[in-house]
Amino acid sequence: MERFLDTWRPRTLSILRIVSAFLFMQHGGQKLLGFPVAQRHAFDLLTLSGVAGVLELFGGFLLLIGLMTRPTAFLLSGQMAFAYFIAHAPRGFWPLLNGGELAIMYCFVFLYLSVAGGGEWSADHLRSAYPRRA
């Protein structure tokens, strides 16, 4: 059993990273591209929502492929903490009531990825597998 867990631990980490990034990218896609569903208001890059959309779509893509996982995940974790305290916390204490449970989950999943890395199935792992020439 221990061998099974040792084999699948880094792979499961990769699955968590890929699924989380795919779901996160949809928020950026909605803001920037109107896909998979259009936003209620027009997109403006020079707003908090516009910057968030860029981070969500492009940062999410970097996480999806596992490139620069740790710094990207740390940045996105901070973005989600900021989003929670700006958009959700003023509406009340309980996340279920203020609509912030998803922001909190993304915040802590990304914080975990910033420490754990991208896992076995990541561009970071592929890059580290090949020694660099001097």
Protein backbone atom coordinates (compact mmCIF):
# COMPACT_ATOMS: atom_id res chain seq x y z
CA MET A 1 0.00 0.00 0.00
CA GLU A 2 2.83 2.41 0.86
CA ARG A 3 4.37 1.90 -2.58
CA PHE A 4 1.03 2.71 -4.22
CA LEU A 5 0.75 5.94 -2.20
CA ASP A 6 4.35 6.93 -2.98
CA THR A 7 3.69 6.37 -6.69
CA TRP A 8 0.40 8.28 -6.83
CA ARG A 9 1.14 11.16 -4.41
CA PRO A 10 2.91 13.36 -7.02
CA ARG A 11 0.44 12.34 -9.71
CA THR A 12 -2.55 13.23 -7.54
CA LEU A 13 -0.90 16.58 -6.82
CA SER A 14 -0.73 17.12 -10.58
CA ILE A 15 -4.41 16.21 -10.96
CA LEU A 16 -5.35 18.71 -8.23
CA ARG A 17 -3.29 21.40 -10.00
CA ILE A 18 -4.75 20.67 -13.45
CA VAL A 19 -8.40 20.53 -12.36
CA SER A 20 -8.10 23.61 -10.14
CA ALA A 21 -6.38 25.58 -12.90
CA PHE A 22 -8.96 24.54 -15.51
CA LEU A 23 -11.82 25.65 -13.29
CA PHE A 24 -10.01 28.87 -12.34
CA MET A 25 -9.35 29.76 -16.00
CA GLN A 26 -13.08 29.82 -16.64
CA HIS A 27 -13.41 32.87 -14.39
CA GLY A 28 -10.77 34.69 -16.45
CA GLY A 29 -12.33 33.49 -19.69
CA GLN A 30 -15.66 34.89 -18.60
CA LYS A 31 -14.14 38.28 -17.80
CA LEU A 32 -11.85 38.60 -20.84
CA LEU A 33 -13.59 36.60 -23.56
CA GLY A 34 -17.21 36.29 -22.47
CA PHE A 35 -16.68 32.50 -22.50
CA PRO A 36 -18.05 30.07 -21.34
CA VAL A 37 -20.74 32.56 -20.33
CA ALA A 38 -20.86 36.31 -20.84
CA GLN A 39 -20.28 38.64 -17.93
CA ARG A 40 -23.03 40.97 -16.73
CA HIS A 41 -21.01 44.12 -17.46
CA ALA A 42 -18.56 45.23 -20.15
CA PHE A 43 -14.90 44.28 -19.79
CA ASP A 44 -12.41 47.01 -18.92
CA LEU A 45 -8.77 45.99 -18.49
CA LEU A 46 -8.00 48.99 -16.30
CA THR A 47 -10.21 47.84 -13.43
CA LEU A 48 -9.72 45.36 -10.59
CA SER A 49 -11.96 42.96 -12.48
CA GLY A 50 -9.87 43.37 -15.64
CA VAL A 51 -6.59 42.69 -13.86
CA ALA A 52 -8.20 39.74 -12.08
CA GLY A 53 -9.36 38.37 -15.43
CA VAL A 54 -5.84 38.52 -16.86
CA LEU A 55 -4.39 36.81 -13.77
CA GLU A 56 -7.11 34.17 -13.79
CA LEU A 57 -6.80 33.29 -17.47
CA PHE A 58 -3.04 33.50 -17.97
CA GLY A 59 -2.01 32.50 -14.44
CA GLY A 60 -4.49 29.65 -14.63
CA PHE A 61 -2.93 28.53 -17.92
CA LEU A 62 0.55 28.53 -16.37
CA LEU A 63 -0.79 26.39 -13.53
CA LEU A 64 -2.62 24.12 -15.97
CA ILE A 65 0.62 23.21 -17.75
CA GLY A 66 2.63 23.38 -14.55
CA LEU A 67 5.07 26.08 -15.66
CA MET A 68 6.47 28.34 -12.92
CA THR A 69 3.99 26.66 -10.60
CA ARG A 70 5.26 27.91 -7.26
CA PRO A 71 5.48 31.66 -7.97
CA THR A 72 2.29 31.63 -10.05
CA ALA A 73 0.34 29.76 -7.38
CA PHE A 74 1.63 32.13 -4.70
CA LEU A 75 0.52 35.16 -6.74
CA LEU A 76 -2.91 33.65 -7.41
CA SER A 77 -3.31 32.69 -3.75
CA GLY A 78 -2.75 36.33 -2.84
CA GLN A 79 -5.18 37.43 -5.52
CA MET A 80 -7.88 35.17 -4.07
CA ALA A 81 -7.24 36.41 -0.52
CA PHE A 82 -7.51 39.98 -1.82
CA ALA A 83 -10.70 39.11 -3.72
CA TYR A 84 -12.23 37.58 -0.61
CA PHE A 85 -11.54 40.58 1.60
CA ILE A 86 -12.54 43.14 -1.05
CA ALA A 87 -15.63 41.50 -2.53
CA HIS A 88 -16.97 39.00 0.00
CA ALA A 89 -15.99 39.80 3.60
CA PRO A 90 -17.83 43.17 3.61
CA ARG A 91 -21.07 41.23 3.01
CA GLY A 92 -20.78 39.33 6.29
CA PHE A 93 -18.62 36.98 8.34
CA TRP A 94 -19.73 33.54 7.11
CA PRO A 95 -18.33 32.53 3.71
CA LEU A 96 -21.42 30.53 2.81
CA LEU A 97 -23.54 33.64 3.31
CA ASN A 98 -21.18 36.15 1.68
CA GLY A 99 -20.46 33.97 -1.37
CA GLY A 100 -16.75 33.70 -0.64
CA GLU A 101 -16.25 29.98 -0.10
CA LEU A 102 -14.83 29.47 -3.61
CA ALA A 103 -12.35 32.32 -3.20
CA ILE A 104 -11.18 30.81 0.09
CA MET A 105 -10.80 27.34 -1.44
CA TYR A 106 -8.79 28.69 -4.39
CA CYS A 107 -6.66 30.74 -1.98
CA PHE A 108 -5.66 27.71 0.07
CA VAL A 109 -5.32 25.27 -2.83
CA PHE A 110 -2.99 27.73 -4.55
CA LEU A 111 -1.11 28.35 -1.30
CA TYR A 112 -0.59 24.59 -1.05
CA LEU A 113 0.61 24.40 -4.67
CA SER A 114 3.05 27.25 -4.02
CA VAL A 115 4.75 25.02 -1.45
CA ALA A 116 4.21 21.56 -2.99
CA GLY A 117 4.98 22.44 -6.62
CA GLY A 118 3.34 21.12 -9.75
CA GLY A 119 3.77 17.40 -9.27
CA GLU A 120 5.02 14.74 -11.61
CA TRP A 121 2.92 15.78 -14.60
CA SER A 122 4.11 19.37 -14.98
CA ALA A 123 6.36 21.40 -17.24
CA ASP A 124 8.42 22.26 -14.15
CA HIS A 125 9.07 18.55 -13.57
CA LEU A 126 10.05 18.05 -17.22
CA ARG A 127 12.42 21.03 -17.07
CA SER A 128 14.11 19.71 -13.94
CA ALA A 129 14.56 16.26 -15.49
CA TYR A 130 16.97 17.59 -18.13
CA PRO A 131 20.33 18.92 -16.88
CA ARG A 132 21.29 22.36 -18.17
CA ARG A 133 24.46 22.84 -20.15
CA ALA A 134 26.99 25.30 -18.78
